[in-house]
Amino acid sequence: MHRAHDQLRNIEILTNVQKHPLGSAIFAAGNTRVLCSASVKNESPRWKKEQGVTGGWLTAEYGMLPGSTSTRKSRSTKGLDGRSTEIQRLIGRSLRAVVDLEKIDGVTINLDCDVLDADGGTRCASINGAAIALQLSVNKLLEQGLIEESPIKEMIGAVSVGILDGKPVLDLDYDWDSRAEVDMNVVMTESGKFVEIQGTGEEAVFSAEQLSAMLDLAGSGIKEIIQRQKEILKEG
């Protein structure tokens, strides 16, 4: 399907797709699909106890399943590669930016993001899906009386942008990403604050005007993504 430069890929979201985690969702952006789950332990991490630091914790893990790419991706037996480590740290940082850890004192939330199908933008899809899984898990914690109020300050979303054939484009699939002169991942809160901007000129340098155009595109795309997240959460 031909997409306009400022058009998101088709978004599909399924919730409560796993039995055991308190929250789970599959977030699909075009042909990229990521399974995200939120598992909860009723204890703070040992390092917080040892340092005498109050508040709970939220962390993330990221991985690509063997069949997620066109050629089978081997399961890692020697720990994470550098890319996966960097992505899961990004997911954790992003979600912690909108969570008041003091309100989940004595609780650790683990967000697991597993790529089912990869066609560009897996880290952004992981953040978008993890935000949904996190909200679902918080709803359950509130129902169970394990926390008194929601620690989530606002929703968060992420999207890729780039420069392709000299023009700014939104939400890069693998084809666009492989041909883009510049690509960038942007994470923003619902109130429009930037959490993280990861950008690089892969094939070319870029101007301040192009940067501004890409950030404007990202802002409009993330606004639409967060709207979809909230609609799905309202449904169930």
Protein backbone atom coordinates (compact mmCIF):
# COMPACT_ATOMS: atom_id res chain seq x y z
CA MET A 1 0.00 0.00 0.00
CA HIS A 2 1.33 3.42 -0.92
CA ARG A 3 1.46 5.71 2.10
CA ALA A 4 1.60 9.48 2.30
CA HIS A 5 4.78 10.88 3.85
CA ASP A 6 2.86 11.94 6.98
CA GLN A 7 0.74 8.80 7.37
CA LEU A 8 1.25 6.14 10.04
CA ARG A 9 1.23 2.49 9.14
CA ASN A 10 -1.98 0.65 10.01
CA ILE A 11 -2.13 0.15 13.80
CA GLU A 12 -3.74 -2.92 15.35
CA ILE A 13 -3.77 -3.59 19.08
CA LEU A 14 -4.87 -6.71 20.96
CA THR A 15 -5.02 -6.70 24.76
CA ASN A 16 -4.97 -9.41 27.44
CA VAL A 17 -3.37 -11.93 25.07
CA GLN A 18 -1.53 -13.85 27.80
CA LYS A 19 -2.93 -15.58 30.85
CA HIS A 20 -0.26 -15.06 33.51
CA PRO A 21 1.10 -11.47 33.24
CA LEU A 22 -1.06 -8.79 34.85
CA GLY A 23 -1.06 -6.89 31.56
CA SER A 24 -0.31 -7.94 28.00
CA ALA A 25 -0.79 -6.61 24.49
CA ILE A 26 0.25 -7.17 20.90
CA PHE A 27 1.04 -3.88 19.18
CA ALA A 28 1.19 -4.01 15.40
CA ALA A 29 2.40 -1.20 13.13
CA GLY A 30 1.98 -2.45 9.60
CA ASN A 31 3.86 -5.76 9.40
CA THR A 32 5.80 -5.17 12.62
CA ARG A 33 4.23 -6.97 15.57
CA VAL A 34 5.48 -7.00 19.15
CA LEU A 35 4.14 -8.95 22.13
CA CYS A 36 4.46 -6.89 25.31
CA SER A 37 3.71 -8.13 28.83
CA ALA A 38 3.93 -6.67 32.31
CA SER A 39 4.78 -9.04 35.15
CA VAL A 40 4.74 -7.89 38.76
CA LYS A 41 6.71 -8.93 41.84
CA ASN A 42 5.70 -7.69 45.28
CA GLU A 43 9.22 -6.64 46.25
CA SER A 44 11.68 -3.90 45.43
CA PRO A 45 14.95 -4.89 43.72
CA ARG A 46 17.79 -5.88 46.04
CA TRP A 47 19.98 -2.93 44.96
CA LYS A 48 17.32 -0.49 46.16
CA LYS A 49 17.08 -2.21 49.54
CA GLU A 50 20.88 -2.26 49.90
CA GLN A 51 21.10 1.44 49.09
CA GLY A 52 18.17 2.28 51.35
CA VAL A 53 16.30 3.89 48.45
CA THR A 54 12.51 4.05 48.63
CA GLY A 55 10.10 3.43 45.77
CA GLY A 56 9.48 0.53 43.46
CA TRP A 57 11.13 -0.22 40.13
CA LEU A 58 10.27 -0.73 36.48
CA THR A 59 12.57 -2.43 34.00
CA ALA A 60 12.31 -3.87 30.49
CA GLU A 61 13.64 -6.73 28.39
CA TYR A 62 13.61 -6.93 24.58
CA GLY A 63 14.19 -9.77 22.17
CA MET A 64 13.47 -10.92 18.63
CA LEU A 65 11.95 -14.36 18.15
CA PRO A 66 13.70 -16.71 15.68
CA GLY A 67 10.98 -16.36 13.04
CA SER A 68 10.63 -12.59 13.32
CA THR A 69 12.97 -11.85 10.38
CA SER A 70 13.25 -13.11 6.80
CA THR A 71 16.20 -15.32 7.72
CA ARG A 72 15.93 -17.15 11.05
CA LYS A 73 17.39 -15.21 13.96
CA SER A 74 19.26 -17.58 16.26
CA ARG A 75 18.32 -17.61 19.91
CA SER A 76 21.01 -16.00 22.01
CA THR A 77 22.79 -18.41 24.38
CA LYS A 78 25.59 -16.02 25.39
CA GLY A 79 23.58 -13.04 26.56
CA LEU A 80 22.12 -10.10 24.67
CA ASP A 81 23.78 -8.46 21.71
CA GLY A 82 24.58 -4.74 21.92
CA ARG A 83 21.52 -3.69 19.90
CA SER A 84 19.05 -5.58 22.10
CA THR A 85 20.68 -4.26 25.27
CA GLU A 86 20.45 -0.69 23.98
CA ILE A 87 16.80 -1.12 22.98
CA GLN A 88 15.66 -2.61 26.27
CA ARG A 89 17.37 0.20 28.16
CA LEU A 90 15.53 2.68 25.94
CA ILE A 91 12.19 0.98 26.70
CA GLY A 92 12.88 1.03 30.44
CA ARG A 93 14.00 4.68 30.46
CA SER A 94 10.98 5.71 28.41
CA LEU A 95 8.40 4.09 30.65
CA ARG A 96 10.10 5.23 33.86
CA ALA A 97 9.83 8.80 32.56
CA VAL A 98 6.04 8.68 33.05
CA VAL A 99 5.92 6.59 36.23
CA ASP A 100 6.13 7.83 39.82
CA LEU A 101 8.17 5.01 41.38
CA GLU A 102 7.29 6.17 44.90
CA LYS A 103 3.70 5.13 44.25
CA ILE A 104 4.74 1.51 43.60
CA ASP A 105 6.94 1.18 46.69
CA GLY A 106 7.70 -2.50 47.29
CA VAL A 107 6.71 -3.47 43.72
CA THR A 108 8.85 -4.36 40.69
CA ILE A 109 7.27 -4.31 37.23
CA ASN A 110 9.05 -6.21 34.46
CA LEU A 111 8.08 -5.28 30.90
CA ASP A 112 8.93 -7.97 28.34
CA CYS A 113 8.87 -7.06 24.66
CA ASP A 114 9.21 -9.92 22.17
CA VAL A 115 9.23 -9.15 18.45
CA LEU A 116 6.93 -11.54 16.58
CA ASP A 117 7.45 -9.96 13.15
CA ALA A 118 10.02 -7.30 12.27
CA ASP A 119 9.47 -4.81 9.46
CA GLY A 120 11.10 -1.70 10.88
CA GLY A 121 10.32 0.30 14.02
CA THR A 122 10.45 -2.57 16.52
CA ARG A 123 11.78 -0.39 19.37
CA CYS A 124 8.99 2.16 18.88
CA ALA A 125 6.33 -0.56 18.68
CA SER A 126 7.78 -2.06 21.88
CA ILE A 127 7.42 1.23 23.75
CA ASN A 128 3.86 1.70 22.47
CA GLY A 129 2.84 -1.85 23.40
CA ALA A 130 4.65 -1.76 26.75
CA ALA A 131 2.77 1.41 27.71
CA ILE A 132 -0.51 -0.45 27.17
CA ALA A 133 0.64 -3.55 29.08
CA LEU A 134 1.84 -1.32 31.92
CA GLN A 135 -1.51 0.49 32.20
CA LEU A 136 -3.39 -2.83 32.22
CA SER A 137 -1.13 -4.15 35.00
CA VAL A 138 -1.58 -0.97 37.05
CA ASN A 139 -5.35 -1.34 36.72
CA LYS A 140 -5.07 -4.86 38.18
CA LEU A 141 -2.78 -3.68 41.02
CA LEU A 142 -5.34 -1.01 41.92
CA GLU A 143 -8.18 -3.58 41.82
CA GLN A 144 -6.22 -5.90 44.09
CA GLY A 145 -5.41 -3.10 46.51
CA LEU A 146 -1.65 -3.63 46.13
CA ILE A 147 -1.18 0.06 45.30
CA GLU A 148 -3.33 3.01 46.39
CA GLU A 149 -3.16 5.24 43.31
CA SER A 150 -1.92 5.01 39.77
CA PRO A 151 1.79 5.78 39.36
CA ILE A 152 1.33 6.61 35.66
CA LYS A 153 1.59 10.36 35.20
CA GLU A 154 0.59 10.34 31.51
CA MET A 155 0.69 8.15 28.42
CA ILE A 156 3.77 7.85 26.26
CA GLY A 157 4.34 6.98 22.61
CA ALA A 158 7.17 6.51 20.12
CA VAL A 159 7.57 6.63 16.36
CA SER A 160 10.32 6.70 13.76
CA VAL A 161 10.83 9.51 11.27
CA GLY A 162 13.39 10.11 8.56
CA ILE A 163 14.48 11.83 5.39
CA LEU A 164 13.75 9.84 2.24
CA ASP A 165 14.55 11.25 -1.19
CA GLY A 166 15.13 14.60 0.49
CA LYS A 167 11.70 14.69 2.15
CA PRO A 168 10.63 14.05 5.76
CA VAL A 169 8.65 10.81 6.25
CA LEU A 170 6.79 9.27 9.19
CA ASP A 171 6.89 5.73 10.59
CA LEU A 172 9.61 3.96 8.60
CA ASP A 173 9.05 0.35 7.58
CA TYR A 174 12.08 -1.73 6.58
CA ASP A 175 11.94 -0.61 2.95
CA TRP A 176 11.84 3.09 3.84
CA ASP A 177 14.42 2.64 6.59
CA SER A 178 16.87 0.87 4.27
CA ARG A 179 16.65 3.73 1.74
CA ALA A 180 16.46 6.69 4.13
CA GLU A 181 19.25 9.25 4.18
CA VAL A 182 18.40 10.05 7.82
CA ASP A 183 16.49 8.07 10.41
CA MET A 184 15.37 9.00 13.88
CA ASN A 185 13.38 7.51 16.76
CA VAL A 186 11.36 9.90 18.88
CA VAL A 187 9.73 9.19 22.25
CA MET A 188 7.23 11.73 23.61
CA THR A 189 4.73 12.07 26.43
CA GLU A 190 1.05 12.80 25.93
CA SER A 191 1.68 16.42 26.97
CA GLY A 192 4.19 16.80 24.14
CA LYS A 193 7.43 16.58 26.13
CA PHE A 194 10.38 14.78 24.56
CA VAL A 195 11.73 11.78 26.45
CA GLU A 196 14.32 10.65 23.93
CA ILE A 197 15.49 11.53 20.43
CA GLN A 198 17.81 9.11 18.65
CA GLY A 199 18.82 10.38 15.23
CA THR A 200 21.62 9.88 12.77
CA GLY A 201 22.51 10.85 9.24
CA GLU A 202 23.09 7.39 7.80
CA GLU A 203 23.72 8.52 4.23
CA ALA A 204 23.67 12.31 4.51
CA VAL A 205 23.84 15.26 6.86
CA PHE A 206 20.60 17.09 7.70
CA SER A 207 19.65 20.68 8.36
CA ALA A 208 17.94 22.36 11.31
CA GLU A 209 14.88 22.84 9.08
CA GLN A 210 14.77 19.12 8.28
CA LEU A 211 15.19 18.27 11.97
CA SER A 212 12.29 20.57 12.85
CA ALA A 213 10.13 18.99 10.12
CA MET A 214 10.90 15.48 11.39
CA LEU A 215 10.09 16.40 14.99
CA ASP A 216 6.79 17.98 13.89
CA LEU A 217 5.92 14.78 12.01
CA ALA A 218 6.85 12.67 15.03
CA GLY A 219 4.70 14.83 17.30
CA SER A 220 1.61 14.43 15.12
CA GLY A 221 2.22 10.68 14.73
CA ILE A 222 2.68 10.10 18.45
CA LYS A 223 -0.46 12.09 19.21
CA GLU A 224 -2.39 9.69 16.97
CA ILE A 225 -0.71 6.63 18.52
CA ILE A 226 -1.58 7.76 22.06
CA GLN A 227 -5.17 8.35 20.98
CA ARG A 228 -5.33 4.74 19.76
CA GLN A 229 -3.75 3.48 22.98
CA LYS A 230 -6.34 5.28 25.06
CA GLU A 231 -9.22 4.02 22.91
CA ILE A 232 -8.07 0.43 23.35
CA LEU A 233 -7.59 0.84 27.10
CA LYS A 234 -11.08 2.30 27.40
CA GLU A 235 -12.48 -0.78 25.67
CA GLY A 236 -11.00 -3.16 28.09
